[in-house]
């Protein structure tokens, strides 16, 4: 089995990852919303739009 982050061979201690580093990268993706399932539910779309409008603008 290959690590889903980097493709290296899986280490039994960190399965399905090869290392703590790759496990932490994956956790970071979960915590930052990197993994999500798109919704076509109209109520979800409206809620997301309302949430986006409430957020303060970001400076670049």
N, C-alpha and C. Protein backbone atom coordinates (compact mmCIF):
# COMPACT_ATOMS: atom_id res chain seq x y z
N UNK A 1 0.85 -1.17 0.00
CA UNK A 1 0.00 0.00 0.00
C UNK A 1 0.90 1.24 0.00
N UNK A 2 0.47 2.25 -0.76
CA UNK A 2 1.23 3.49 -0.85
C UNK A 2 0.59 4.58 0.01
N UNK A 3 1.42 5.45 0.53
CA UNK A 3 0.96 6.60 1.31
C UNK A 3 0.12 7.50 0.40
N UNK A 4 -1.08 7.89 0.83
CA UNK A 4 -1.93 8.74 0.00
C UNK A 4 -1.40 10.18 -0.15
N UNK A 5 -0.44 10.57 0.67
CA UNK A 5 0.11 11.93 0.60
C UNK A 5 1.30 11.99 -0.34
N UNK A 6 2.29 11.10 -0.14
CA UNK A 6 3.52 11.20 -0.93
C UNK A 6 3.79 10.00 -1.84
N UNK A 7 3.07 8.92 -1.66
CA UNK A 7 3.25 7.75 -2.52
C UNK A 7 4.28 6.75 -2.04
N UNK A 8 4.99 7.04 -0.96
CA UNK A 8 5.99 6.11 -0.42
C UNK A 8 5.28 4.89 0.19
N UNK A 9 6.07 3.87 0.51
CA UNK A 9 5.53 2.66 1.12
C UNK A 9 5.00 2.96 2.52
N UNK A 10 3.84 2.40 2.83
CA UNK A 10 3.20 2.62 4.12
C UNK A 10 4.01 2.02 5.26
N UNK A 11 4.07 2.74 6.38
CA UNK A 11 4.70 2.24 7.60
C UNK A 11 3.57 1.77 8.52
N UNK A 12 3.68 0.57 9.04
CA UNK A 12 2.62 -0.01 9.88
C UNK A 12 2.27 0.91 11.05
N UNK A 13 3.23 1.62 11.58
CA UNK A 13 2.99 2.51 12.73
C UNK A 13 2.09 3.69 12.39
N UNK A 14 2.08 4.09 11.11
CA UNK A 14 1.33 5.28 10.69
C UNK A 14 0.29 4.97 9.62
N UNK A 15 0.00 3.71 9.43
CA UNK A 15 -0.90 3.27 8.37
C UNK A 15 -2.16 4.11 8.32
N UNK A 16 -2.59 4.59 7.21
CA UNK A 16 -2.18 4.29 5.85
C UNK A 16 -1.07 5.21 5.33
N UNK A 17 -0.40 5.92 6.22
CA UNK A 17 0.65 6.85 5.82
C UNK A 17 2.02 6.22 5.99
N UNK A 18 3.05 6.92 5.49
CA UNK A 18 4.42 6.40 5.59
C UNK A 18 5.15 6.98 6.81
N UNK A 19 4.63 8.09 7.35
CA UNK A 19 5.32 8.76 8.45
C UNK A 19 4.36 9.67 9.21
N UNK A 20 4.82 10.14 10.35
CA UNK A 20 4.03 11.09 11.14
C UNK A 20 3.84 12.38 10.35
N UNK A 21 4.85 12.77 9.59
CA UNK A 21 4.76 13.99 8.78
C UNK A 21 3.57 13.92 7.82
N UNK A 22 3.45 12.82 7.09
CA UNK A 22 2.35 12.69 6.14
C UNK A 22 1.01 12.58 6.87
N UNK A 23 0.98 11.92 8.01
CA UNK A 23 -0.25 11.85 8.81
C UNK A 23 -0.66 13.25 9.26
N UNK A 24 0.32 14.06 9.66
CA UNK A 24 0.03 15.44 10.09
C UNK A 24 -0.44 16.31 8.93
N UNK A 25 0.14 16.11 7.75
CA UNK A 25 -0.30 16.85 6.57
C UNK A 25 -1.77 16.53 6.29
N UNK A 26 -2.12 15.26 6.37
CA UNK A 26 -3.50 14.84 6.14
C UNK A 26 -4.44 15.44 7.18
N UNK A 27 -4.04 15.42 8.44
CA UNK A 27 -4.85 16.02 9.51
C UNK A 27 -5.06 17.51 9.24
N UNK A 28 -4.00 18.19 8.82
CA UNK A 28 -4.12 19.61 8.50
C UNK A 28 -5.13 19.87 7.39
N UNK A 29 -5.16 18.99 6.40
CA UNK A 29 -6.15 19.14 5.32
C UNK A 29 -7.56 19.00 5.87
N UNK A 30 -7.77 18.06 6.78
CA UNK A 30 -9.10 17.89 7.39
C UNK A 30 -9.48 19.13 8.19
N UNK A 31 -8.56 19.62 9.00
CA UNK A 31 -8.86 20.75 9.88
C UNK A 31 -9.07 22.05 9.11
N UNK A 32 -8.43 22.20 7.96
CA UNK A 32 -8.57 23.41 7.15
C UNK A 32 -9.67 23.32 6.11
N UNK A 33 -10.41 22.22 6.13
CA UNK A 33 -11.51 22.06 5.18
C UNK A 33 -11.06 21.65 3.79
N UNK A 34 -9.86 21.10 3.68
CA UNK A 34 -9.36 20.67 2.39
C UNK A 34 -10.10 19.48 1.81
N UNK A 35 -10.72 18.71 2.69
CA UNK A 35 -11.51 17.57 2.25
C UNK A 35 -12.97 17.95 2.47
N UNK A 36 -13.73 17.96 1.43
CA UNK A 36 -15.15 18.26 1.56
C UNK A 36 -15.91 17.61 0.42
N UNK A 37 -17.19 17.43 0.65
CA UNK A 37 -18.07 16.89 -0.37
C UNK A 37 -18.99 18.00 -0.80
N UNK A 38 -18.95 18.38 -2.07
CA UNK A 38 -19.81 19.47 -2.53
C UNK A 38 -21.29 19.10 -2.38
N UNK A 39 -22.08 20.08 -2.05
CA UNK A 39 -23.51 19.87 -1.87
C UNK A 39 -24.26 20.67 -2.93
N UNK A 40 -25.33 20.10 -3.41
CA UNK A 40 -26.19 20.81 -4.35
C UNK A 40 -27.52 21.17 -3.67
N UNK A 41 -27.59 20.96 -2.36
CA UNK A 41 -28.78 21.31 -1.59
C UNK A 41 -28.89 22.83 -1.53
N UNK A 42 -30.01 23.38 -1.94
CA UNK A 42 -30.19 24.82 -2.01
C UNK A 42 -29.97 25.48 -0.64
N UNK A 43 -30.43 24.86 0.43
CA UNK A 43 -30.26 25.43 1.77
C UNK A 43 -28.78 25.51 2.14
N UNK A 44 -27.99 24.50 1.79
CA UNK A 44 -26.55 24.53 2.06
C UNK A 44 -25.89 25.67 1.30
N UNK A 45 -26.29 25.86 0.05
CA UNK A 45 -25.72 26.94 -0.75
C UNK A 45 -26.05 28.31 -0.16
N UNK A 46 -27.29 28.48 0.29
CA UNK A 46 -27.69 29.75 0.89
C UNK A 46 -26.93 30.00 2.18
N UNK A 47 -26.77 28.97 3.01
CA UNK A 47 -26.03 29.12 4.27
C UNK A 47 -24.57 29.47 4.01
N UNK A 48 -23.96 28.85 3.02
CA UNK A 48 -22.57 29.15 2.69
C UNK A 48 -22.43 30.60 2.23
N UNK A 49 -23.37 31.07 1.43
CA UNK A 49 -23.33 32.45 0.96
C UNK A 49 -23.49 33.43 2.12
N UNK A 50 -24.40 33.14 3.04
CA UNK A 50 -24.60 34.00 4.22
C UNK A 50 -23.33 34.04 5.07
N UNK A 51 -22.70 32.88 5.27
CA UNK A 51 -21.47 32.82 6.05
C UNK A 51 -20.36 33.63 5.39
N UNK A 52 -20.26 33.53 4.07
CA UNK A 52 -19.21 34.27 3.35
C UNK A 52 -19.44 35.77 3.46
N UNK A 53 -20.69 36.20 3.44
CA UNK A 53 -20.99 37.63 3.54
C UNK A 53 -20.70 38.18 4.93
N UNK A 54 -20.74 37.35 5.95
CA UNK A 54 -20.49 37.77 7.34
C UNK A 54 -19.00 37.93 7.62
N UNK A 55 -18.15 37.24 6.86
CA UNK A 55 -16.72 37.29 7.11
C UNK A 55 -16.16 38.65 6.71
N UNK A 56 -15.21 39.15 7.52
CA UNK A 56 -14.57 40.43 7.13
C UNK A 56 -13.69 40.20 5.91
N UNK A 57 -13.52 41.24 5.09
CA UNK A 57 -12.66 41.09 3.90
C UNK A 57 -11.22 40.84 4.30
N UNK A 58 -10.53 40.05 3.51
CA UNK A 58 -9.12 39.77 3.78
C UNK A 58 -8.26 40.77 3.01
N UNK A 59 -7.15 41.13 3.63
CA UNK A 59 -6.21 42.06 2.98
C UNK A 59 -5.15 41.25 2.26
N UNK A 60 -4.73 41.71 1.09
CA UNK A 60 -3.71 41.02 0.30
C UNK A 60 -2.43 41.74 0.38
